[in-house]
Amino acid sequence: MLSNTLNTNEVKNAAATEVEFQRLSSSDRSTTFATIAESPALPHRLTISHQETGSGLKRRRRSLVRFDKTVESTVDATQSVTTSAYMVLDAPVGALEANTEMANVIAELMSFCASLGANTTILFDCTGNGAACLLNGGL
């Protein structure tokens, strides 16, 4: 289980600056964090949740890590707008004995979004191949 306060570089923004979160709520399959000292009018949330379906070899788990950030519009300052980014793992946990293949697809997604391929540097500035596709609507 994660600690109630994420304040030791667990989360960084595009400038690679730490963003501190504290737990707001928790249940057995979901938890929500908010940034520390955020404006109530401009919430910034981290949500982690899990859902399992099926049984036996057909059992699947859908796990979600999601960030939602509300900011003032840069076009119309009277409007608040929310941007969301999330990663979903949909895994056949009933048919796998280890996390190996789940870890492989997560690693592939993260490396595609946070690197340019030949290097091993994590690009928090979102210039990695996959992040650039997301930001610019590219293929």
Protein backbone atom coordinates (compact mmCIF):
# COMPACT_ATOMS: atom_id res chain seq x y z
CA MET A 1 0.00 0.00 0.00
CA LEU A 2 1.17 3.52 -0.78
CA SER A 3 1.89 5.90 2.07
CA ASN A 4 -0.74 8.52 2.90
CA THR A 5 1.56 11.29 1.65
CA LEU A 6 3.43 11.12 -1.64
CA ASN A 7 6.14 13.72 -1.10
CA THR A 8 9.49 12.13 -1.91
CA ASN A 9 9.56 12.36 -5.72
CA GLU A 10 6.92 9.67 -6.32
CA VAL A 11 5.19 12.10 -8.70
CA LYS A 12 6.89 14.67 -10.93
CA ASN A 13 5.53 17.13 -13.46
CA ALA A 14 6.83 17.93 -16.98
CA ALA A 15 9.60 20.09 -15.48
CA ALA A 16 10.69 17.07 -13.37
CA THR A 17 9.60 18.96 -10.26
CA GLU A 18 8.06 16.99 -7.42
CA VAL A 19 4.28 17.29 -7.01
CA GLU A 20 3.14 16.38 -3.49
CA PHE A 21 -0.11 14.50 -2.89
CA GLN A 22 -2.00 13.41 0.22
CA ARG A 23 -4.61 10.67 0.50
CA LEU A 24 -8.21 11.94 0.51
CA SER A 25 -10.15 8.71 0.58
CA SER A 26 -9.68 4.98 0.38
CA SER A 27 -11.68 1.78 0.06
CA ASP A 28 -10.64 -1.82 -0.50
CA ARG A 29 -10.40 -1.35 -4.33
CA SER A 30 -9.86 2.41 -4.82
CA THR A 31 -7.98 5.37 -3.39
CA THR A 32 -7.85 9.06 -4.23
CA PHE A 33 -5.06 11.56 -3.55
CA ALA A 34 -5.15 15.37 -3.82
CA THR A 35 -2.27 17.78 -4.17
CA ILE A 36 -1.19 19.30 -0.88
CA ALA A 37 -2.48 22.88 -0.43
CA GLU A 38 -4.48 22.87 -3.66
CA SER A 39 -7.20 25.40 -4.38
CA PRO A 40 -10.64 23.82 -3.84
CA ALA A 41 -11.78 25.45 -7.09
CA LEU A 42 -8.93 23.81 -9.03
CA PRO A 43 -8.64 20.18 -7.88
CA HIS A 44 -5.67 18.05 -8.90
CA ARG A 45 -6.32 14.35 -8.25
CA LEU A 46 -4.57 11.01 -8.47
CA THR A 47 -6.90 8.00 -8.47
CA ILE A 48 -5.94 4.33 -8.30
CA SER A 49 -8.62 1.68 -8.67
CA HIS A 50 -9.07 -2.01 -9.45
CA GLN A 51 -11.98 -4.12 -10.67
CA GLU A 52 -12.02 -7.90 -11.09
CA THR A 53 -14.43 -9.86 -13.25
CA GLY A 54 -14.86 -13.54 -14.07
CA SER A 55 -13.48 -16.52 -12.20
CA GLY A 56 -10.96 -19.29 -12.61
CA LEU A 57 -8.96 -19.09 -15.83
CA LYS A 58 -11.33 -16.35 -17.07
CA ARG A 59 -10.64 -13.99 -14.13
CA ARG A 60 -9.49 -10.55 -15.29
CA ARG A 61 -8.38 -7.47 -13.40
CA ARG A 62 -8.71 -3.95 -14.73
CA SER A 63 -6.39 -1.60 -12.85
CA LEU A 64 -6.36 2.16 -13.37
CA VAL A 65 -3.94 4.94 -12.42
CA ARG A 66 -5.41 8.32 -13.34
CA PHE A 67 -4.46 11.99 -12.96
CA ASP A 68 -7.05 14.76 -13.34
CA LYS A 69 -6.01 18.40 -13.14
CA THR A 70 -8.38 21.38 -13.28
CA VAL A 71 -6.93 24.75 -14.29
CA GLU A 72 -8.20 28.10 -15.49
CA SER A 73 -8.60 28.24 -19.26
CA THR A 74 -5.84 30.22 -20.95
CA VAL A 75 -8.41 31.37 -23.54
CA ASP A 76 -11.22 32.39 -21.17
CA ALA A 77 -10.13 32.87 -17.55
CA THR A 78 -13.75 32.60 -16.37
CA GLN A 79 -13.76 28.93 -17.37
CA SER A 80 -12.18 26.02 -15.53
CA VAL A 81 -11.08 23.06 -17.65
CA THR A 82 -9.91 19.57 -16.69
CA THR A 83 -7.24 17.48 -18.38
CA SER A 84 -6.95 13.78 -17.61
CA ALA A 85 -4.29 11.17 -18.30
CA TYR A 86 -4.47 7.56 -17.26
CA MET A 87 -2.97 4.14 -17.67
CA VAL A 88 -5.16 1.03 -17.64
CA LEU A 89 -3.88 -2.52 -17.24
CA ASP A 90 -6.42 -5.11 -18.36
CA ALA A 91 -4.90 -8.45 -17.42
CA PRO A 92 -5.99 -12.11 -17.48
CA VAL A 93 -4.86 -12.71 -13.88
CA GLY A 94 -6.66 -16.06 -13.70
CA ALA A 95 -4.59 -17.46 -16.56
CA LEU A 96 -1.15 -16.17 -15.52
CA GLU A 97 0.98 -17.45 -12.63
CA ALA A 98 3.34 -14.46 -12.54
CA ASN A 99 3.31 -10.74 -13.26
CA THR A 100 5.99 -11.05 -15.98
CA GLU A 101 3.84 -10.32 -19.04
CA MET A 102 1.90 -7.61 -17.23
CA ALA A 103 5.21 -5.96 -16.28
CA ASN A 104 6.41 -6.27 -19.89
CA VAL A 105 3.47 -4.34 -21.37
CA ILE A 106 3.65 -1.66 -18.66
CA ALA A 107 7.40 -1.24 -19.27
CA GLU A 108 6.81 -1.03 -23.03
CA LEU A 109 4.17 1.67 -22.59
CA MET A 110 6.29 3.68 -20.17
CA SER A 111 9.44 3.46 -22.32
CA PHE A 112 7.51 4.45 -25.45
CA CYS A 113 6.05 7.49 -23.70
CA ALA A 114 9.11 8.57 -21.72
CA SER A 115 12.07 7.95 -24.05
CA LEU A 116 13.31 8.37 -27.60
CA GLY A 117 14.45 4.77 -27.95
CA ALA A 118 18.23 4.66 -27.91
CA ASN A 119 18.67 6.44 -24.59
CA THR A 120 17.68 5.30 -21.12
CA THR A 121 16.91 8.78 -19.81
CA ILE A 122 13.35 9.35 -18.61
CA LEU A 123 11.97 12.40 -20.40
CA PHE A 124 9.60 14.12 -17.98
CA ASP A 125 9.19 16.98 -20.47
CA CYS A 126 6.94 14.75 -22.61
CA THR A 127 9.26 14.71 -25.62
CA GLY A 128 9.36 10.89 -25.67
CA ASN A 129 7.93 9.24 -28.76
CA GLY A 130 4.61 8.17 -27.26
CA ALA A 131 4.09 11.34 -25.19
CA ALA A 132 4.71 13.46 -28.29
CA CYS A 133 2.05 11.46 -30.16
CA LEU A 134 -0.43 12.10 -27.32
CA LEU A 135 0.37 15.82 -27.05
CA ASN A 136 0.35 16.57 -30.77
CA GLY A 137 -2.27 14.11 -32.00
CA GLY A 138 0.41 12.39 -34.05
CA LEU A 139 0.79 8.88 -35.39
